[in-house]
Amino acid sequence: MSYSLSQLSEILEGRCIGNGDVLIGRVSTPEGASGDSIVVVLDGKVLKDIPGGVSIVGKEEVFSDGRRGISVREPRLAMAVLLGLFQEKATVQAGIDPSAVIHRSAHVDENASIGPLCVLSEGTSVSAGAVLRANVFVGRGVSIGEDSVIEPGVVIYQGCSIGKRALIHGNVVIGADGFGHIPASEGRRVVKVPQIGGVRICDDVEIGANTSIDRGTIGDTVIGEGTKIDNHIQIGHNAFIGKDCLLAAQVGIAGSAVLEDRVVMAARSGVQDHTRVGSDSIVAALGGVTKDLPSGSLVSGFPARNHRSKLRQDAYVARIGDLFDRVKRLERLLSEDS
């Protein structure tokens, strides 16, 4: 489908610059640009790589050389909208594949889609518009909300719930037992603590491939509305993740940790059990949170501490070799004077 430049400017709530009748049929990189494409300019340095006759989207300043396009305040947001417009939509047919195994007590809305070899256990509920791709296992009593998409190989254990418009990528495991054990002592082996809670995934959550979210010991592990979780992440039992959080690859959230709203966890960072991270905080890559953080914190390192302080300390550490050499020279001079 194609849109005129003026139509796109209205959709993006931007200002059309140049011929608004030009038809745009795709979003492209600078290298792959042509007359029917549009390029989102996030960095003015790439302008030199974009042919002059190609439409662009960017902030006002990138149009100083008379280029055609759409001026917007937030180019990254505009990119997201454009990609959604031009993304090829997969055709989904409602119904149940003959190879699926559906318990007689399960409820599947007539407008839901159940793919090959799916298993729906006793008392499960799949709402209108929900899509289960091939080989999805849904445990006893699980509910899946409207328009949610469950990709191949996902396992959802009993007693969990998935909200509306969730997107759960391949091989995610939701609701496996939390890591609850009483350590061994003299004359007694390790004792497993039964995990009788569940997992509650709220509306508009996205969970990346191969992520695991453990069920609560008592009560639920909760993932709040709008939160986006990357691949290969571990979330422990009874953790609470607030609204609109962003968790990058290989993050680890220990049991009963709390992330308030809009927290950003960069790659391979982690939070200790029973620790609270305040709203709007950012934990840098490899950061390890070991104590409560107030709202708006920016921390890095292990143990995680104020990011500016951490950078200053790193700079001091980098100078230790030079300082050692200076001390050795001073000692040598002092010994010669004596």
C-alpha atoms as a PDB file:
ATOM      1  CA  MET A   1       0.000   0.000   0.000  1.00  0.00           C
ATOM      2  CA  SER A   2       1.225   3.501  -0.840  1.00  0.00           C
ATOM      3  CA  TYR A   3       0.610   6.820   0.884  1.00  0.00           C
ATOM      4  CA  SER A   4       1.176  10.346  -0.356  1.00  0.00           C
ATOM      5  CA  LEU A   5       3.734  12.387   1.532  1.00  0.00           C
ATOM      6  CA  SER A   6       0.964  14.719   2.735  1.00  0.00           C
ATOM      7  CA  GLN A   7      -1.057  11.750   4.052  1.00  0.00           C
ATOM      8  CA  LEU A   8       1.967  10.504   5.966  1.00  0.00           C
ATOM      9  CA  SER A   9       2.585  13.958   7.412  1.00  0.00           C
ATOM     10  CA  GLU A  10      -0.947  13.961   8.845  1.00  0.00           C
ATOM     11  CA  ILE A  11      -0.492  10.480  10.307  1.00  0.00           C
ATOM     12  CA  LEU A  12       2.831  11.502  11.871  1.00  0.00           C
ATOM     13  CA  GLU A  13       1.460  14.879  12.985  1.00  0.00           C
ATOM     14  CA  GLY A  14       4.385  16.536  11.249  1.00  0.00           C
ATOM     15  CA  ARG A  15       4.928  19.218   8.621  1.00  0.00           C
ATOM     16  CA  CYS A  16       5.091  18.271   4.964  1.00  0.00           C
ATOM     17  CA  ILE A  17       8.010  19.900   3.142  1.00  0.00           C
ATOM     18  CA  GLY A  18       8.036  19.856  -0.663  1.00  0.00           C
ATOM     19  CA  ASN A  19       5.692  18.025  -3.045  1.00  0.00           C
ATOM     20  CA  GLY A  20       3.026  16.368  -0.899  1.00  0.00           C
ATOM     21  CA  ASP A  21       1.665  14.313  -3.820  1.00  0.00           C
ATOM     22  CA  VAL A  22       4.736  12.071  -4.022  1.00  0.00           C
ATOM     23  CA  LEU A  23       3.742   8.463  -3.323  1.00  0.00           C
ATOM     24  CA  ILE A  24       5.646   6.498  -0.684  1.00  0.00           C
ATOM     25  CA  GLY A  25       5.506   2.695  -0.727  1.00  0.00           C
ATOM     26  CA  ARG A  26       8.161   1.641   1.759  1.00  0.00           C
ATOM     27  CA  VAL A  27      10.606   2.622   4.492  1.00  0.00           C
ATOM     28  CA  SER A  28      14.244   2.044   3.607  1.00  0.00           C
ATOM     29  CA  THR A  29      17.808   2.471   4.789  1.00  0.00           C
ATOM     30  CA  PRO A  30      19.914   5.214   3.166  1.00  0.00           C
ATOM     31  CA  GLU A  31      21.725   2.565   1.131  1.00  0.00           C
ATOM     32  CA  GLY A  32      18.527   1.033  -0.235  1.00  0.00           C
ATOM     33  CA  ALA A  33      16.640   4.263  -0.893  1.00  0.00           C
ATOM     34  CA  SER A  34      14.786   5.028  -4.118  1.00  0.00           C
ATOM     35  CA  GLY A  35      12.122   7.442  -5.314  1.00  0.00           C
ATOM     36  CA  ASP A  36       9.204   5.567  -3.727  1.00  0.00           C
ATOM     37  CA  SER A  37      10.853   5.121  -0.323  1.00  0.00           C
ATOM     38  CA  ILE A  38      11.213   7.264   2.766  1.00  0.00           C
ATOM     39  CA  VAL A  39      14.235   7.328   5.078  1.00  0.00           C
ATOM     40  CA  VAL A  40      14.080   8.225   8.766  1.00  0.00           C
ATOM     41  CA  VAL A  41      17.016  10.448   9.711  1.00  0.00           C
ATOM     42  CA  LEU A  42      18.032   9.888  13.328  1.00  0.00           C
ATOM     43  CA  ASP A  43      21.508  11.324  12.814  1.00  0.00           C
ATOM     44  CA  GLY A  44      22.273  14.136  10.369  1.00  0.00           C
ATOM     45  CA  LYS A  45      25.541  12.433   9.427  1.00  0.00           C
ATOM     46  CA  VAL A  46      23.662   9.994   7.178  1.00  0.00           C
ATOM     47  CA  LEU A  47      22.236  12.760   4.959  1.00  0.00           C
ATOM     48  CA  LYS A  48      25.241  12.504   2.652  1.00  0.00           C
ATOM     49  CA  ASP A  49      24.320   8.874   1.962  1.00  0.00           C
ATOM     50  CA  ILE A  50      20.721   9.638   0.940  1.00  0.00           C
ATOM     51  CA  PRO A  51      20.102  10.529  -2.732  1.00  0.00           C
ATOM     52  CA  GLY A  52      18.677  14.002  -3.229  1.00  0.00           C
ATOM     53  CA  GLY A  53      15.366  12.825  -4.699  1.00  0.00           C
ATOM     54  CA  VAL A  54      14.481  10.604  -1.746  1.00  0.00           C
ATOM     55  CA  SER A  55      11.942  11.704   0.870  1.00  0.00           C
ATOM     56  CA  ILE A  56      13.125  11.865   4.468  1.00  0.00           C
ATOM     57  CA  VAL A  57      11.638  12.150   7.955  1.00  0.00           C
ATOM     58  CA  GLY A  58      13.541  14.016  10.637  1.00  0.00           C
ATOM     59  CA  LYS A  59      13.830  17.076  12.809  1.00  0.00           C
ATOM     60  CA  GLU A  60      13.514  20.527  11.244  1.00  0.00           C
ATOM     61  CA  GLU A  61      17.267  21.071  10.979  1.00  0.00           C
ATOM     62  CA  VAL A  62      17.846  18.176   8.544  1.00  0.00           C
ATOM     63  CA  PHE A  63      15.862  20.019   5.861  1.00  0.00           C
ATOM     64  CA  SER A  64      18.306  22.925   5.575  1.00  0.00           C
ATOM     65  CA  ASP A  65      19.494  21.789   2.122  1.00  0.00           C
ATOM     66  CA  GLY A  66      16.028  21.909   0.535  1.00  0.00           C
ATOM     67  CA  ARG A  67      15.174  18.220   0.801  1.00  0.00           C
ATOM     68  CA  ARG A  68      11.643  16.847   0.503  1.00  0.00           C
ATOM     69  CA  GLY A  69      10.005  15.101   3.438  1.00  0.00           C
ATOM     70  CA  ILE A  70       8.277  15.412   6.805  1.00  0.00           C
ATOM     71  CA  SER A  71       9.538  17.441   9.742  1.00  0.00           C
ATOM     72  CA  VAL A  72       8.720  15.829  13.107  1.00  0.00           C
ATOM     73  CA  ARG A  73       9.683  16.417  16.727  1.00  0.00           C
ATOM     74  CA  GLU A  74      10.466  12.769  17.543  1.00  0.00           C
ATOM     75  CA  PRO A  75      12.016  10.886  14.613  1.00  0.00           C
ATOM     76  CA  ARG A  76      12.247   7.558  16.485  1.00  0.00           C
ATOM     77  CA  LEU A  77       8.538   7.686  17.277  1.00  0.00           C
ATOM     78  CA  ALA A  78       7.823   8.551  13.646  1.00  0.00           C
ATOM     79  CA  MET A  79       9.921   5.557  12.575  1.00  0.00           C
ATOM     80  CA  ALA A  80       7.855   3.244  14.770  1.00  0.00           C
ATOM     81  CA  VAL A  81       4.613   4.540  13.246  1.00  0.00           C
ATOM     82  CA  LEU A  82       5.934   4.241   9.691  1.00  0.00           C
ATOM     83  CA  LEU A  83       7.212   0.706  10.181  1.00  0.00           C
ATOM     84  CA  GLY A  84       3.817  -0.268  11.554  1.00  0.00           C
ATOM     85  CA  LEU A  85       2.093   1.201   8.500  1.00  0.00           C
ATOM     86  CA  PHE A  86       4.277  -0.591   5.965  1.00  0.00           C
ATOM     87  CA  GLN A  87       4.823  -3.839   7.837  1.00  0.00           C
ATOM     88  CA  GLU A  88       3.454  -6.826   5.973  1.00  0.00           C
ATOM     89  CA  LYS A  89       0.657  -8.251   8.081  1.00  0.00           C
ATOM     90  CA  ALA A  90       0.464 -12.012   8.448  1.00  0.00           C
ATOM     91  CA  THR A  91      -2.911 -13.471   7.513  1.00  0.00           C
ATOM     92  CA  VAL A  92      -4.467 -15.280  10.459  1.00  0.00           C
ATOM     93  CA  GLN A  93      -7.479 -17.519  10.031  1.00  0.00           C
ATOM     94  CA  ALA A  94      -9.726 -18.093  13.017  1.00  0.00           C
ATOM     95  CA  GLY A  95     -10.296 -21.675  14.031  1.00  0.00           C
ATOM     96  CA  ILE A  96      -8.623 -24.706  15.567  1.00  0.00           C
ATOM     97  CA  ASP A  97      -6.100 -26.828  13.686  1.00  0.00           C
ATOM     98  CA  PRO A  98      -7.185 -30.503  13.619  1.00  0.00           C
ATOM     99  CA  SER A  99      -3.922 -31.592  15.252  1.00  0.00           C
ATOM    100  CA  ALA A 100      -4.460 -29.425  18.345  1.00  0.00           C
ATOM    101  CA  VAL A 101      -5.455 -31.141  21.595  1.00  0.00           C
ATOM    102  CA  ILE A 102      -8.225 -29.228  23.362  1.00  0.00           C
ATOM    103  CA  HIS A 103      -9.672 -30.311  26.712  1.00  0.00           C
ATOM    104  CA  ARG A 104     -13.458 -30.518  26.647  1.00  0.00           C
ATOM    105  CA  SER A 105     -13.720 -27.904  29.415  1.00  0.00           C
ATOM    106  CA  ALA A 106     -11.522 -25.376  27.594  1.00  0.00           C
ATOM    107  CA  HIS A 107     -13.170 -22.334  26.034  1.00  0.00           C
ATOM    108  CA  VAL A 108     -11.865 -21.045  22.709  1.00  0.00           C
ATOM    109  CA  ASP A 109     -13.582 -17.998  21.231  1.00  0.00           C
ATOM    110  CA  GLU A 110     -14.773 -18.522  17.663  1.00  0.00           C
ATOM    111  CA  ASN A 111     -12.529 -15.648  16.541  1.00  0.00           C
ATOM    112  CA  ALA A 112      -9.369 -17.094  18.096  1.00  0.00           C
ATOM    113  CA  SER A 113      -6.763 -19.070  16.155  1.00  0.00           C
ATOM    114  CA  ILE A 114      -5.199 -22.271  17.535  1.00  0.00           C
ATOM    115  CA  GLY A 115      -2.263 -23.604  15.509  1.00  0.00           C
ATOM    116  CA  PRO A 116      -0.933 -27.112  14.857  1.00  0.00           C
ATOM    117  CA  LEU A 117      -0.075 -29.366  17.816  1.00  0.00           C
ATOM    118  CA  CYS A 118      -1.157 -26.867  20.471  1.00  0.00           C
ATOM    119  CA  VAL A 119      -2.342 -28.285  23.799  1.00  0.00           C
ATOM    120  CA  LEU A 120      -5.052 -26.537  25.830  1.00  0.00           C
ATOM    121  CA  SER A 121      -5.572 -28.072  29.245  1.00  0.00           C
ATOM    122  CA  GLU A 122      -8.566 -28.249  31.556  1.00  0.00           C
ATOM    123  CA  GLY A 123     -10.367 -24.971  32.184  1.00  0.00           C
ATOM    124  CA  THR A 124      -8.303 -22.835  29.841  1.00  0.00           C
ATOM    125  CA  SER A 125      -9.779 -19.781  28.142  1.00  0.00           C
ATOM    126  CA  VAL A 126      -8.659 -18.177  24.872  1.00  0.00           C
ATOM    127  CA  SER A 127     -10.339 -14.870  24.014  1.00  0.00           C
ATOM    128  CA  ALA A 128     -11.358 -13.322  20.697  1.00  0.00           C
ATOM    129  CA  GLY A 129      -8.547 -12.428  18.331  1.00  0.00           C
ATOM    130  CA  ALA A 130      -5.923 -14.368  20.261  1.00  0.00           C
ATOM    131  CA  VAL A 131      -3.445 -16.348  18.160  1.00  0.00           C
ATOM    132  CA  LEU A 132      -1.566 -19.434  19.323  1.00  0.00           C
ATOM    133  CA  ARG A 133       1.074 -20.538  16.833  1.00  0.00           C
ATOM    134  CA  ALA A 134       2.276 -24.136  16.562  1.00  0.00           C
ATOM    135  CA  ASN A 135       3.324 -26.238  19.573  1.00  0.00           C
ATOM    136  CA  VAL A 136       2.054 -23.957  22.322  1.00  0.00           C
ATOM    137  CA  PHE A 137       1.273 -25.639  25.656  1.00  0.00           C
ATOM    138  CA  VAL A 138      -1.338 -23.983  27.882  1.00  0.00           C
ATOM    139  CA  GLY A 139      -1.730 -25.392  31.376  1.00  0.00           C
ATOM    140  CA  ARG A 140      -4.777 -25.881  33.563  1.00  0.00           C
ATOM    141  CA  GLY A 141      -6.859 -22.779  34.236  1.00  0.00           C
ATOM    142  CA  VAL A 142      -4.797 -20.389  32.117  1.00  0.00           C
ATOM    143  CA  SER A 143      -6.571 -17.431  30.507  1.00  0.00           C
ATOM    144  CA  ILE A 144      -5.304 -15.650  27.398  1.00  0.00           C
ATOM    145  CA  GLY A 145      -6.696 -12.199  26.651  1.00  0.00           C
ATOM    146  CA  GLU A 146      -8.020 -10.648  23.465  1.00  0.00           C
ATOM    147  CA  ASP A 147      -5.655 -10.158  20.518  1.00  0.00           C
ATOM    148  CA  SER A 148      -2.664 -11.691  22.276  1.00  0.00           C
ATOM    149  CA  VAL A 149      -0.151 -13.580  20.118  1.00  0.00           C
ATOM    150  CA  ILE A 150       1.684 -16.606  21.490  1.00  0.00           C
ATOM    151  CA  GLU A 151       4.534 -17.667  19.206  1.00  0.00           C
ATOM    152  CA  PRO A 152       5.713 -21.277  18.633  1.00  0.00           C
ATOM    153  CA  GLY A 153       7.033 -23.394  21.458  1.00  0.00           C
ATOM    154  CA  VAL A 154       5.767 -21.272  24.344  1.00  0.00           C
ATOM    155  CA  VAL A 155       4.929 -23.079  27.598  1.00  0.00           C
ATOM    156  CA  ILE A 156       2.424 -21.513  30.002  1.00  0.00           C
ATOM    157  CA  TYR A 157       2.048 -23.507  33.207  1.00  0.00           C
ATOM    158  CA  GLN A 158      -1.160 -23.884  35.182  1.00  0.00           C
ATOM    159  CA  GLY A 159      -2.696 -20.980  37.049  1.00  0.00           C
ATOM    160  CA  CYS A 160      -1.199 -18.163  34.969  1.00  0.00           C
ATOM    161  CA  SER A 161      -2.971 -15.373  33.117  1.00  0.00           C
ATOM    162  CA  ILE A 162      -2.089 -13.427  29.979  1.00  0.00           C
ATOM    163  CA  GLY A 163      -3.691 -10.028  29.394  1.00  0.00           C
ATOM    164  CA  LYS A 164      -4.868  -8.361  26.203  1.00  0.00           C
ATOM    165  CA  ARG A 165      -2.586  -7.643  23.225  1.00  0.00           C
ATOM    166  CA  ALA A 166       0.382  -9.462  24.740  1.00  0.00           C
ATOM    167  CA  LEU A 167       3.117 -10.698  22.405  1.00  0.00           C
ATOM    168  CA  ILE A 168       5.048 -13.704  23.689  1.00  0.00           C
ATOM    169  CA  HIS A 169       7.908 -14.867  21.492  1.00  0.00           C
ATOM    170  CA  GLY A 170       9.168 -18.385  20.848  1.00  0.00           C
ATOM    171  CA  ASN A 171      10.182 -20.784  23.626  1.00  0.00           C
ATOM    172  CA  VAL A 172       9.225 -18.518  26.508  1.00  0.00           C
ATOM    173  CA  VAL A 173       8.398 -20.397  29.720  1.00  0.00           C
ATOM    174  CA  ILE A 174       5.850 -18.795  32.037  1.00  0.00           C
ATOM    175  CA  GLY A 175       5.019 -20.247  35.423  1.00  0.00           C
ATOM    176  CA  ALA A 176       7.753 -22.806  36.060  1.00  0.00           C
ATOM    177  CA  ASP A 177       8.582 -23.294  39.744  1.00  0.00           C
ATOM    178  CA  GLY A 178      10.534 -20.515  41.392  1.00  0.00           C
ATOM    179  CA  PHE A 179      13.951 -21.381  42.791  1.00  0.00           C
ATOM    180  CA  GLY A 180      12.792 -21.914  46.367  1.00  0.00           C
ATOM    181  CA  HIS A 181      14.883 -24.313  48.450  1.00  0.00           C
ATOM    182  CA  ILE A 182      15.987 -24.633  52.054  1.00  0.00           C
ATOM    183  CA  PRO A 183      19.752 -25.340  52.054  1.00  0.00           C
ATOM    184  CA  ALA A 184      20.991 -28.684  53.319  1.00  0.00           C
ATOM    185  CA  SER A 185      22.281 -29.036  56.859  1.00  0.00           C
ATOM    186  CA  GLU A 186      23.941 -31.816  58.815  1.00  0.00           C
ATOM    187  CA  GLY A 187      21.732 -34.877  58.486  1.00  0.00           C
ATOM    188  CA  ARG A 188      19.234 -33.213  56.116  1.00  0.00           C
ATOM    189  CA  ARG A 189      19.245 -32.766  52.359  1.00  0.00           C
ATOM    190  CA  VAL A 190      18.008 -29.733  50.431  1.00  0.00           C
ATOM    191  CA  VAL A 191      14.254 -29.190  50.938  1.00  0.00           C
ATOM    192  CA  LYS A 192      12.156 -27.844  48.065  1.00  0.00           C
ATOM    193  CA  VAL A 193       9.630 -25.143  48.975  1.00  0.00           C
ATOM    194  CA  PRO A 194       6.371 -25.736  47.044  1.00  0.00           C
ATOM    195  CA  GLN A 195       5.529 -22.918  44.643  1.00  0.00           C
ATOM    196  CA  ILE A 196       1.758 -22.495  44.695  1.00  0.00           C
ATOM    197  CA  GLY A 197       1.377 -19.000  43.209  1.00  0.00           C
ATOM    198  CA  GLY A 198       1.044 -18.013  39.571  1.00  0.00           C
ATOM    199  CA  VAL A 199       2.166 -15.452  37.021  1.00  0.00           C
ATOM    200  CA  ARG A 200       0.085 -12.485  35.894  1.00  0.00           C
ATOM    201  CA  ILE A 201       1.047 -10.908  32.576  1.00  0.00           C
ATOM    202  CA  CYS A 202      -0.854  -7.630  32.143  1.00  0.00           C
ATOM    203  CA  ASP A 203      -2.061  -5.926  28.947  1.00  0.00           C
ATOM    204  CA  ASP A 204       0.311  -4.881  26.137  1.00  0.00           C
ATOM    205  CA  VAL A 205       3.321  -6.785  27.480  1.00  0.00           C
ATOM    206  CA  GLU A 206       5.960  -8.181  25.108  1.00  0.00           C
ATOM    207  CA  ILE A 207       8.245 -11.032  26.201  1.00  0.00           C
ATOM    208  CA  GLY A 208      11.314 -11.955  24.138  1.00  0.00           C
ATOM    209  CA  ALA A 209      12.382 -15.422  23.054  1.00  0.00           C
ATOM    210  CA  ASN A 210      13.749 -17.913  25.606  1.00  0.00           C
ATOM    211  CA  THR A 211      12.808 -15.806  28.617  1.00  0.00           C
ATOM    212  CA  SER A 212      11.638 -17.507  31.820  1.00  0.00           C
ATOM    213  CA  ILE A 213       9.224 -16.020  34.344  1.00  0.00           C
ATOM    214  CA  ASP A 214       8.808 -18.127  37.484  1.00  0.00           C
ATOM    215  CA  ARG A 215       5.553 -18.584  39.362  1.00  0.00           C
ATOM    216  CA  GLY A 216       5.182 -17.078  42.822  1.00  0.00           C
ATOM    217  CA  THR A 217       5.755 -19.032  45.991  1.00  0.00           C
ATOM    218  CA  ILE A 218       2.554 -17.556  47.440  1.00  0.00           C
ATOM    219  CA  GLY A 219       0.729 -15.041  45.270  1.00  0.00           C
ATOM    220  CA  ASP A 220       1.689 -14.060  41.741  1.00  0.00           C
ATOM    221  CA  THR A 221       4.754 -12.884  39.915  1.00  0.00           C
ATOM    222  CA  VAL A 222       3.499  -9.775  38.077  1.00  0.00           C
ATOM    223  CA  ILE A 223       4.545  -8.108  34.820  1.00  0.00           C
ATOM    224  CA  GLY A 224       2.872  -4.694  34.536  1.00  0.00           C
ATOM    225  CA  GLU A 225       1.056  -3.102  31.614  1.00  0.00           C
ATOM    226  CA  GLY A 226       3.138  -2.084  28.620  1.00  0.00           C
ATOM    227  CA  THR A 227       6.396  -3.589  29.856  1.00  0.00           C
ATOM    228  CA  LYS A 228       8.771  -4.920  27.181  1.00  0.00           C
ATOM    229  CA  ILE A 229      11.123  -7.788  28.019  1.00  0.00           C
ATOM    230  CA  ASP A 230      14.006  -8.840  25.757  1.00  0.00           C
ATOM    231  CA  ASN A 231      15.362 -12.331  25.035  1.00  0.00           C
ATOM    232  CA  HIS A 232      17.110 -14.619  27.547  1.00  0.00           C
ATOM    233  CA  ILE A 233      15.853 -12.955  30.727  1.00  0.00           C
ATOM    234  CA  GLN A 234      15.172 -14.599  34.089  1.00  0.00           C
ATOM    235  CA  ILE A 235      12.499 -13.206  36.408  1.00  0.00           C
ATOM    236  CA  GLY A 236      12.278 -14.900  39.783  1.00  0.00           C
ATOM    237  CA  HIS A 237       9.311 -15.885  41.926  1.00  0.00           C
ATOM    238  CA  ASN A 238       7.122 -13.115  43.327  1.00  0.00           C
ATOM    239  CA  ALA A 239       8.997 -10.405  41.458  1.00  0.00           C
ATOM    240  CA  PHE A 240       6.875  -7.374  40.627  1.00  0.00           C
ATOM    241  CA  ILE A 241       7.641  -5.468  37.431  1.00  0.00           C
ATOM    242  CA  GLY A 242       5.731  -2.206  37.046  1.00  0.00           C
ATOM    243  CA  LYS A 243       4.242  -0.467  34.013  1.00  0.00           C
ATOM    244  CA  ASP A 244       6.197   0.430  30.860  1.00  0.00           C
ATOM    245  CA  CYS A 245       9.514  -0.997  32.023  1.00  0.00           C
ATOM    246  CA  LEU A 246      12.242  -1.974  29.530  1.00  0.00           C
ATOM    247  CA  LEU A 247      14.430  -5.007  30.272  1.00  0.00           C
ATOM    248  CA  ALA A 248      17.280  -5.704  27.831  1.00  0.00           C
ATOM    249  CA  ALA A 249      18.898  -9.058  27.079  1.00  0.00           C
ATOM    250  CA  GLN A 250      20.167 -11.309  29.882  1.00  0.00           C
ATOM    251  CA  VAL A 251      18.762  -9.223  32.731  1.00  0.00           C
ATOM    252  CA  GLY A 252      18.158 -11.127  35.950  1.00  0.00           C
ATOM    253  CA  ILE A 253      15.481 -10.131  38.464  1.00  0.00           C
ATOM    254  CA  ALA A 254      15.714 -12.132  41.684  1.00  0.00           C
ATOM    255  CA  GLY A 255      12.766 -13.327  43.740  1.00  0.00           C
ATOM    256  CA  SER A 256      10.528 -10.713  45.397  1.00  0.00           C
ATOM    257  CA  ALA A 257      12.414  -7.818  43.794  1.00  0.00           C
ATOM    258  CA  VAL A 258      10.269  -4.823  42.812  1.00  0.00           C
ATOM    259  CA  LEU A 259      10.727  -2.608  39.777  1.00  0.00           C
ATOM    260  CA  GLU A 260       8.409   0.374  39.894  1.00  0.00           C
ATOM    261  CA  ASP A 261       7.108   2.042  36.710  1.00  0.00           C
ATOM    262  CA  ARG A 262       9.264   2.953  33.677  1.00  0.00           C
ATOM    263  CA  VAL A 263      12.457   1.361  34.969  1.00  0.00           C
ATOM    264  CA  VAL A 264      15.120   0.615  32.333  1.00  0.00           C
ATOM    265  CA  MET A 265      17.444  -2.345  32.905  1.00  0.00           C
ATOM    266  CA  ALA A 266      20.297  -2.458  30.371  1.00  0.00           C
ATOM    267  CA  ALA A 267      21.842  -5.704  29.139  1.00  0.00           C
ATOM    268  CA  ARG A 268      23.140  -8.209  31.723  1.00  0.00           C
ATOM    269  CA  SER A 269      22.171  -6.051  34.692  1.00  0.00           C
ATOM    270  CA  GLY A 270      20.464  -7.530  37.724  1.00  0.00           C
ATOM    271  CA  VAL A 271      18.508  -6.851  40.900  1.00  0.00           C
ATOM    272  CA  GLN A 272      19.004  -8.667  44.200  1.00  0.00           C
ATOM    273  CA  ASP A 273      16.074 -10.372  45.914  1.00  0.00           C
ATOM    274  CA  HIS A 274      13.753  -8.257  48.092  1.00  0.00           C
ATOM    275  CA  THR A 275      15.189  -5.048  46.583  1.00  0.00           C
ATOM    276  CA  ARG A 276      13.137  -2.131  45.218  1.00  0.00           C
ATOM    277  CA  VAL A 277      14.086   0.013  42.213  1.00  0.00           C
ATOM    278  CA  GLY A 278      12.191   3.307  42.097  1.00  0.00           C
ATOM    279  CA  SER A 279      10.231   4.608  39.122  1.00  0.00           C
ATOM    280  CA  ASP A 280      12.102   6.152  36.161  1.00  0.00           C
ATOM    281  CA  SER A 281      15.421   4.640  37.236  1.00  0.00           C
ATOM    282  CA  ILE A 282      18.074   3.357  34.825  1.00  0.00           C
ATOM    283  CA  VAL A 283      20.495   0.533  35.604  1.00  0.00           C
ATOM    284  CA  ALA A 284      23.413   0.507  33.157  1.00  0.00           C
ATOM    285  CA  ALA A 285      24.722  -2.642  31.471  1.00  0.00           C
ATOM    286  CA  LEU A 286      26.299  -5.150  33.898  1.00  0.00           C
ATOM    287  CA  GLY A 287      25.019  -3.140  36.877  1.00  0.00           C
ATOM    288  CA  GLY A 288      24.120  -5.113  39.981  1.00  0.00           C
ATOM    289  CA  VAL A 289      21.526  -3.563  42.312  1.00  0.00           C
ATOM    290  CA  THR A 290      22.036  -4.712  45.916  1.00  0.00           C
ATOM    291  CA  LYS A 291      20.019  -2.108  47.822  1.00  0.00           C
ATOM    292  CA  ASP A 292      16.874  -0.043  47.314  1.00  0.00           C
ATOM    293  CA  LEU A 293      17.133   2.787  44.774  1.00  0.00           C
ATOM    294  CA  PRO A 294      15.056   5.986  44.920  1.00  0.00           C
ATOM    295  CA  SER A 295      13.041   7.105  41.915  1.00  0.00           C
ATOM    296  CA  GLY A 296      15.029   8.652  39.089  1.00  0.00           C
ATOM    297  CA  SER A 297      18.307   6.900  39.904  1.00  0.00           C
ATOM    298  CA  LEU A 298      21.007   6.351  37.272  1.00  0.00           C
ATOM    299  CA  VAL A 299      23.395   3.655  38.471  1.00  0.00           C
ATOM    300  CA  SER A 300      26.127   1.388  37.134  1.00  0.00           C
ATOM    301  CA  GLY A 301      28.725  -1.096  38.319  1.00  0.00           C
ATOM    302  CA  PHE A 302      28.696  -3.743  41.015  1.00  0.00           C
ATOM    303  CA  PRO A 303      27.469  -3.005  43.524  1.00  0.00           C
ATOM    304  CA  ALA A 304      25.406  -0.473  41.587  1.00  0.00           C
ATOM    305  CA  ARG A 305      26.066   3.122  42.588  1.00  0.00           C
ATOM    306  CA  ASN A 306      25.615   6.626  41.183  1.00  0.00           C
ATOM    307  CA  HIS A 307      26.771   6.520  37.578  1.00  0.00           C
ATOM    308  CA  ARG A 308      28.829   9.727  37.740  1.00  0.00           C
ATOM    309  CA  SER A 309      30.582   8.532  40.889  1.00  0.00           C
ATOM    310  CA  LYS A 310      31.273   5.189  39.220  1.00  0.00           C
ATOM    311  CA  LEU A 311      32.854   6.888  36.192  1.00  0.00           C
ATOM    312  CA  ARG A 312      35.000   9.065  38.455  1.00  0.00           C
ATOM    313  CA  GLN A 313      36.151   6.011  40.417  1.00  0.00           C
ATOM    314  CA  ASP A 314      36.958   4.175  37.184  1.00  0.00           C
ATOM    315  CA  ALA A 315      39.078   7.124  36.069  1.00  0.00           C
ATOM    316  CA  TYR A 316      40.994   6.992  39.364  1.00  0.00           C
ATOM    317  CA  VAL A 317      41.559   3.255  39.020  1.00  0.00           C
ATOM    318  CA  ALA A 318      42.873   3.724  35.488  1.00  0.00           C
ATOM    319  CA  ARG A 319      45.558   6.059  36.890  1.00  0.00           C
ATOM    320  CA  ILE A 320      46.822   3.638  39.538  1.00  0.00           C
ATOM    321  CA  GLY A 321      49.570   2.297  37.264  1.00  0.00           C
ATOM    322  CA  ASP A 322      50.941   5.802  36.656  1.00  0.00           C
ATOM    323  CA  LEU A 323      50.709   6.650  40.359  1.00  0.00           C
ATOM    324  CA  PHE A 324      52.595   3.467  41.237  1.00  0.00           C
ATOM    325  CA  ASP A 325      55.383   4.418  38.828  1.00  0.00           C
ATOM    326  CA  ARG A 326      55.572   7.910  40.345  1.00  0.00           C
ATOM    327  CA  VAL A 327      55.809   6.510  43.854  1.00  0.00           C
ATOM    328  CA  LYS A 328      58.606   4.167  42.791  1.00  0.00           C
ATOM    329  CA  ARG A 329      60.506   7.094  41.257  1.00  0.00           C
ATOM    330  CA  LEU A 330      60.029   9.156  44.423  1.00  0.00           C
ATOM    331  CA  GLU A 331      61.250   6.276  46.573  1.00  0.00           C
ATOM    332  CA  ARG A 332      64.307   5.917  44.373  1.00  0.00           C
ATOM    333  CA  LEU A 333      65.069   9.643  44.599  1.00  0.00           C
ATOM    334  CA  LEU A 334      64.643   9.603  48.369  1.00  0.00           C
ATOM    335  CA  SER A 335      66.941   6.619  48.723  1.00  0.00           C
ATOM    336  CA  GLU A 336      69.578   8.352  46.576  1.00  0.00           C
ATOM    337  CA  ASP A 337      69.355  11.531  48.704  1.00  0.00           C
ATOM    338  CA  SER A 338      69.841   9.555  51.897  1.00  0.00           C
END
